[in-house]
Protein backbone atom coordinates (compact mmCIF):
# COMPACT_ATOMS: atom_id res chain seq x y z
CA MET A 1 -179.34 101.00 -83.68
CA GLN A 2 -176.70 102.64 -81.48
CA THR A 3 -177.47 103.94 -78.03
CA GLN A 4 -175.81 107.09 -76.84
CA THR A 5 -174.20 107.35 -73.44
CA LEU A 6 -173.54 110.66 -71.75
CA VAL A 7 -170.16 110.72 -70.03
CA GLY A 8 -168.68 113.53 -67.99
CA TRP A 9 -165.24 114.28 -66.66
CA HIS A 10 -164.47 116.57 -63.78
CA ILE A 11 -161.43 118.88 -64.00
CA GLU A 12 -160.16 121.04 -61.14
CA MET A 13 -157.58 123.78 -61.64
CA GLU A 14 -155.81 125.71 -58.91
CA PHE A 15 -153.38 128.57 -59.36
CA ARG A 16 -150.72 130.04 -57.14
CA GLU A 17 -148.90 133.29 -57.85
CA ASP A 18 -145.52 133.96 -56.26
CA GLY A 19 -144.12 137.21 -57.59
CA PRO A 20 -143.41 136.77 -61.29
CA ARG A 21 -144.06 133.01 -61.18
CA THR A 22 -147.46 131.34 -61.62
CA SER A 23 -148.09 127.66 -60.93
CA ALA A 24 -151.12 125.64 -61.99
CA ALA A 25 -152.21 122.30 -60.58
CA ALA A 26 -154.77 120.30 -62.55
CA MET A 27 -156.67 117.21 -61.53
CA LEU A 28 -158.87 115.21 -63.92
CA ARG A 29 -161.32 112.64 -62.58
CA LEU A 30 -162.50 110.16 -65.22
CA GLY A 31 -165.68 108.11 -65.21
CA ASP A 32 -163.73 104.94 -64.37
CA GLY A 33 -162.47 106.52 -61.14
CA THR A 34 -158.99 107.29 -62.47
CA GLU A 35 -157.48 110.57 -61.30
CA LEU A 36 -154.73 112.21 -63.31
CA ARG A 37 -152.73 115.12 -61.90
CA ALA A 38 -150.52 117.59 -63.72
CA HIS A 39 -148.69 120.84 -63.15
CA GLY A 40 -147.74 123.81 -65.27
CA HIS A 41 -145.70 126.94 -64.65
CA SER A 42 -145.14 130.34 -66.16
CA SER A 43 -142.68 133.11 -65.38
CA ARG A 44 -143.10 136.78 -66.15
CA HIS A 45 -140.07 138.62 -67.43
CA PRO A 46 -139.15 141.50 -65.08
CA SER A 47 -139.84 144.06 -67.82
CA ASP A 48 -143.32 142.67 -68.59
CA PRO A 49 -146.39 144.30 -67.02
CA GLU A 50 -148.07 142.38 -64.20
CA GLN A 51 -150.96 140.46 -65.79
CA LEU A 52 -152.01 137.64 -63.47
CA ARG A 53 -154.62 136.33 -65.91
CA VAL A 54 -151.99 135.78 -68.60
CA GLY A 55 -149.76 133.86 -66.20
CA GLU A 56 -152.72 131.69 -65.21
CA GLU A 57 -153.59 131.03 -68.85
CA VAL A 58 -150.03 129.98 -69.73
CA ALA A 59 -149.54 127.84 -66.61
CA GLY A 60 -153.04 126.35 -67.00
CA ALA A 61 -152.46 125.52 -70.67
CA ARG A 62 -149.21 123.76 -69.78
CA ALA A 63 -150.94 121.73 -67.06
CA LEU A 64 -153.76 120.78 -69.45
CA ASN A 65 -151.20 119.83 -72.10
CA ASP A 66 -149.61 117.48 -69.56
CA LEU A 67 -153.05 115.99 -68.80
CA ALA A 68 -153.64 115.46 -72.53
CA SER A 69 -150.36 113.57 -72.81
CA GLN A 70 -151.26 111.40 -69.82
CA LEU A 71 -154.69 110.63 -71.34
CA LEU A 72 -153.08 109.56 -74.62
CA THR A 73 -150.67 107.31 -72.74
CA LYS A 74 -153.54 105.78 -70.73
CA ALA A 75 -155.60 105.18 -73.89
CA HIS A 76 -152.63 103.59 -75.66
CA ARG A 77 -152.01 101.28 -72.71
CA GLU A 78 -155.69 100.23 -72.71
CA ILE A 79 -155.59 99.56 -76.46
CA GLN A 80 -152.49 97.39 -75.98
CA GLU A 81 -154.15 95.45 -73.17
CA ALA A 82 -157.19 94.69 -75.35
CA ASN A 83 -155.32 93.97 -78.59
CA PRO A 84 -152.60 91.31 -78.95
CA LEU A 85 -151.20 93.02 -82.06
CA PRO A 86 -148.51 95.71 -81.65
CA THR A 87 -149.94 99.21 -81.64
CA HIS A 88 -148.42 102.60 -82.33
CA PRO A 89 -148.25 105.17 -79.51
CA LEU A 90 -150.92 107.85 -79.73
CA SER A 91 -149.85 111.46 -80.06
C-alpha cells in the first residue's frame, strides 16, 4: 500500500512598473531548500491603453515560464545523477 505525502512549494512574485515597461521577479522555494529565481518583462506599445494588470500577467507568465524551464533542468540533472544510463533532456 502506498502512503501519500503532502508537499508544498512557496512562490513569491513581485512586479515593478516603469512607464510602459513591466518587470516581474519570481522566486520558488522547494521542499529540499532549493531556491530558483526568474525574471520576466513586458512592454506596452505606445498606442495601447494603459492596463497594468495585463502587463503584470504577461511579465509574470514569462517569469513562471523561466521557472518551469529551470525546474525541468533540475529534474533532468537529478535523474542523471541517479541513473547511470544516458537520459533525454526534459521539455
